[in-house]
Protein backbone atom coordinates (compact mmCIF):
# COMPACT_ATOMS: atom_id res chain seq x y z
CA MET A 1 -33.92 -28.29 -9.02
CA GLU A 2 -31.66 -26.44 -6.44
CA ASN A 3 -28.92 -28.91 -7.61
CA VAL A 4 -29.48 -28.10 -11.73
CA LEU A 5 -29.54 -24.50 -10.82
CA LYS A 6 -25.96 -24.55 -8.86
CA ASP A 7 -24.53 -27.00 -11.55
CA SER A 8 -25.37 -24.17 -14.21
CA GLY A 9 -23.48 -21.14 -12.17
CA VAL A 10 -27.13 -20.11 -10.03
CA ILE A 11 -26.56 -18.79 -7.27
CA ARG A 12 -29.32 -18.35 -4.84
CA ARG A 13 -29.07 -15.66 -2.83
CA SER A 14 -32.69 -15.75 -0.61
CA ARG A 15 -35.26 -18.34 -0.07
CA SER A 16 -36.99 -20.23 -1.97
CA PHE A 17 -40.50 -21.48 -2.20
CA GLU A 18 -42.71 -24.54 -3.59
CA LEU A 19 -45.59 -23.85 -4.91
CA GLY A 20 -48.53 -26.27 -6.85
CA ASN A 21 -50.45 -22.89 -8.19
CA THR A 22 -49.37 -21.31 -11.13
CA GLU A 23 -51.27 -18.73 -9.88
CA ALA A 24 -49.77 -18.43 -7.13
CA ILE A 25 -46.73 -18.24 -8.58
CA LYS A 26 -46.82 -16.03 -11.56
CA SER A 27 -48.38 -13.18 -8.42
CA LEU A 28 -44.99 -13.67 -6.75
CA VAL A 29 -43.06 -13.31 -9.88
CA ILE A 30 -44.81 -10.04 -10.23
CA ALA A 31 -44.74 -9.07 -7.18
CA GLY A 32 -40.92 -9.15 -7.41
CA LEU A 33 -40.45 -11.98 -4.60
CA GLY A 34 -38.27 -13.70 -7.24
CA VAL A 35 -38.26 -15.68 -9.93
CA GLY A 36 -40.36 -19.10 -11.32
CA PHE A 37 -40.07 -21.87 -13.05
CA LEU A 38 -43.74 -22.48 -15.95
CA SER A 39 -44.40 -23.48 -18.74
CA CYS A 40 -44.17 -20.71 -21.28
CA TRP A 41 -47.62 -21.96 -22.12
CA GLU A 42 -48.77 -21.05 -18.76
CA ILE A 43 -46.84 -17.63 -19.57
CA GLN A 44 -47.65 -16.45 -22.80
CA GLN A 45 -50.32 -14.13 -22.13
CA GLU A 46 -48.40 -12.53 -19.48
CA ILE A 47 -44.57 -12.31 -21.31
CA ALA A 48 -46.13 -10.91 -24.56
CA MET A 49 -47.92 -7.75 -22.06
CA GLY A 50 -44.39 -7.43 -20.46
CA ILE A 51 -44.97 -8.59 -17.12
CA VAL A 52 -42.59 -11.24 -16.97
CA ARG A 53 -40.13 -12.09 -18.83
CA GLN A 54 -38.05 -15.16 -19.87
CA ILE A 55 -34.30 -15.64 -18.41
CA ASN A 56 -32.12 -18.15 -20.95
CA ILE A 57 -29.15 -19.93 -18.42
CA PRO A 58 -26.31 -21.07 -20.36
CA GLY A 59 -26.15 -24.49 -20.35
CA LEU A 60 -29.68 -25.12 -18.07
CA ARG A 61 -32.19 -27.92 -19.41
CA ILE A 62 -34.26 -28.87 -17.78
CA GLN A 63 -37.08 -32.10 -18.43
CA ARG A 64 -39.88 -33.11 -17.95
CA MET A 65 -42.11 -35.58 -18.72
CA LEU A 66 -46.01 -35.39 -19.92
CA SER A 67 -48.66 -37.64 -19.55
């Protein structure tokens, strides 16, 4: 993920965390501790309430396989 962001021109200014729990990621983002990568389906309520927002990074394409 860090290489994809770097290749897209995103500059990292601080440490990164790897969390496996969606609620933990949301809590850190809502607390203003950084950005998170989540499915738009997982945060649609928070987006609708204006608690979080989606950031589009030109040229950034992340694909993952679901099974």
